[in-house]
Amino acid sequence: MAKLNPNFISLILFALVVIVSAEVIFEEKFDDGWESRWVKSDWKKDDNTAGEWKHTAGNWSGDANDKGIQTSEDYRFYAISAEFPEFSNKDKTLVFQFSVKHEQKLDCGGGYMKLLSDDVDQKKFGGDTPYSIMFGPDICGYSTKKVHAILTYNGANHLIKKEVPCETDQLTHVYTFVLRPDATYSILIDNVEKQTGSLYSDWDLLPPKKIKDPSATKPEDWDDTEYIPDPEDTKPAGYDDIPKEIPDTDAKKPEDWDEEEDGEWTAPTIPNPEYNGEWKPKKIKNPNYKGKWKAPMIDNPEFKDDPELYVFPKLKYVGVELWQVKSGSLFDNVLVSDDPEYAKKLAEETWGKHKDAEKAAFDEAEKKKEEEESKDAPAESDAEGEAEDDDNEGDDSDNESKSEETKESEETDAAHDEL
């Protein structure tokens, strides 16, 4: 019997230890029984603007049995949450991951999720409920297409300072936020790292460690003029004698010009091609230039380090809270864990396994949509026959359309500004 390589045995044991040591705090694939684990909030129910969630795989998917929860009504607020055993990420890595698909081709709205701490009344969970972490894509028009990563510290919400572009198509994408005990983080989309850095530099959680010395002043003899006029440069002889404009030699007196009535005719002027403008000496490098003066950096007396800057000691809920003008966002495969490798594995087993089939289903749906629109398009003769009626009704329809667009824009902007 052949002996096993000791190094190979060690590798297997190490892999087993890693698997066993990984802790899954919360994992939701929205299979049977999901409603018993999630609480739909009554937020906005009284004013009839609370939206209903639909349990579905969506209009196109890689697996019709792989379902999530999808917003189903336009112009509605949505709030739902699930509880998990209270968890602290002290001395541990925190991984927050989920997938979202915007089937409606989202033009303004969010696709983010939240982690909440302490005790929360889930039936009242809404936009004003304090949270610890808010993470996920946010899209609004052409200017906002980014991943939000908002961390709460000492009661204040802090938005990441780096720009992290998000996906904007109508397919499923996986968003992963990893926070480590050394206060570093990573943001991944579809298992690809898109941003990484430190809590110290990429959020304004603490005052800066270093500041410009407020008592420092620029020395009087500091010369920060990089270029100066050449003292040896002289104006060419006759430079000022060159006129700015000269008579147009190609101009001719009009045949109907009457000098008694119109006065003496003179040719109009044109710019002189030989005129070079006001003379200025050429610039040369200043031999006394010392560079741009900057105040020296000193230790910030207001800075006090927090070795637990990364810690969220009482994480207890995961939730979705958002406003949607156009519904259709589908959330699935929610994970809270301490193991980035497990998160990658889960993403590959779900999104990775089905993404090609989902893309094919989407392409087929788009093809059918185009064919139906082509069939429904009015014939050219019909369009001409209706042109006169359209002209008569144009003003009314335009006014109605503008009114609806204004209403939608105001409601969308108001909800989006809550971020």
Foldseek 3Di string as FASTA:
>chain_A
DDDDDPVVVVVVVVVVVQVVPWDFQDKFQPAPPVVVFKDWACPPVVVPQAFDWDWFCALFWLDRRRTFIWTDDFFHWGKMKGWTAWAKQAQFKKKWKWKKFFQVLDAFKWDKKFWAFDDDPRNHDALPDDTAWIWGFGHHHPPGAFIWTWGAAPRDIKTFQDGFGDDRDRAMKMWMWMAHLQQKIFIDILNHTRDIDGPQPGIPRWPHFKDFDPPDDDDPLADADFKDFDPPFDDDPCLVVDDQKDFDPPDDDDPPDDCVVNNDDDGDIDGDPPRDPDDGGDIDTDPRHDHDDGGDMDGDPRTDDDSCPRMDRTGIMMMDIITHNDITMTMGTITIIRDPVVVSVSSCVGCVVRVVSRVVRVVVVVVVVVVVVVVPDDDPVVCVVCVVVCVVCVVVVVVVVVVVVVVSVVSSVVRSVSD
